[in-house]
Amino acid sequence: MEIRLRAYFEGTALQYVIPEQEKLKSFTIIQEDIRFYFKRR
């Protein structure tokens, strides 16, 4: 799986890229726990 992060002035966006798999037709993300920490100057 590849996770792409995009940053904008208004916020951020995540995109999950799952390689195509013959036996995996669909899936559901049940929970997401992502945190961002920014260093203060």
Protein backbone atom coordinates (compact mmCIF):
# COMPACT_ATOMS: atom_id res chain seq x y z
CA MET A 1 0.00 0.00 0.00
CA GLU A 2 1.14 3.50 -0.79
CA ILE A 3 -0.09 6.52 1.15
CA ARG A 4 0.13 9.89 -0.56
CA LEU A 5 -0.05 13.08 1.46
CA ARG A 6 -0.86 16.41 -0.11
CA ALA A 7 -0.56 19.69 1.75
CA TYR A 8 -2.50 22.80 0.88
CA PHE A 9 -2.92 26.18 2.54
CA GLU A 10 -6.44 25.11 3.56
CA GLY A 11 -5.45 21.69 4.98
CA THR A 12 -4.16 18.27 3.99
CA ALA A 13 -5.43 15.29 2.00
CA LEU A 14 -4.56 11.59 2.15
CA GLN A 15 -4.88 9.12 -0.69
CA TYR A 16 -4.50 5.38 -0.22
CA VAL A 17 -3.18 3.54 -3.27
CA ILE A 18 -3.75 -0.21 -3.11
CA PRO A 19 -2.14 -2.34 -5.84
CA GLU A 20 -4.66 -4.41 -7.79
CA GLN A 21 -4.90 -7.95 -6.49
CA GLU A 22 -6.71 -10.80 -8.16
CA LYS A 23 -8.43 -12.07 -4.99
CA LEU A 24 -9.11 -8.67 -3.44
CA LYS A 25 -12.13 -7.09 -5.08
CA SER A 26 -13.00 -4.54 -2.38
CA PHE A 27 -12.14 -3.53 1.17
CA THR A 28 -13.29 -1.11 3.84
CA ILE A 29 -11.12 1.06 6.06
CA ILE A 30 -12.80 0.65 9.45
CA GLN A 31 -10.66 3.03 11.48
CA GLU A 32 -8.04 5.61 10.75
CA ASP A 33 -5.69 7.04 13.38
CA ILE A 34 -3.36 9.48 11.70
CA ARG A 35 -1.65 12.29 13.56
CA PHE A 36 0.51 15.14 12.35
CA TYR A 37 3.16 16.77 14.49
CA PHE A 38 4.77 20.01 13.39
CA LYS A 39 7.94 21.31 14.95
CA ARG A 40 7.55 24.74 16.50
CA ARG A 41 10.15 27.36 15.82
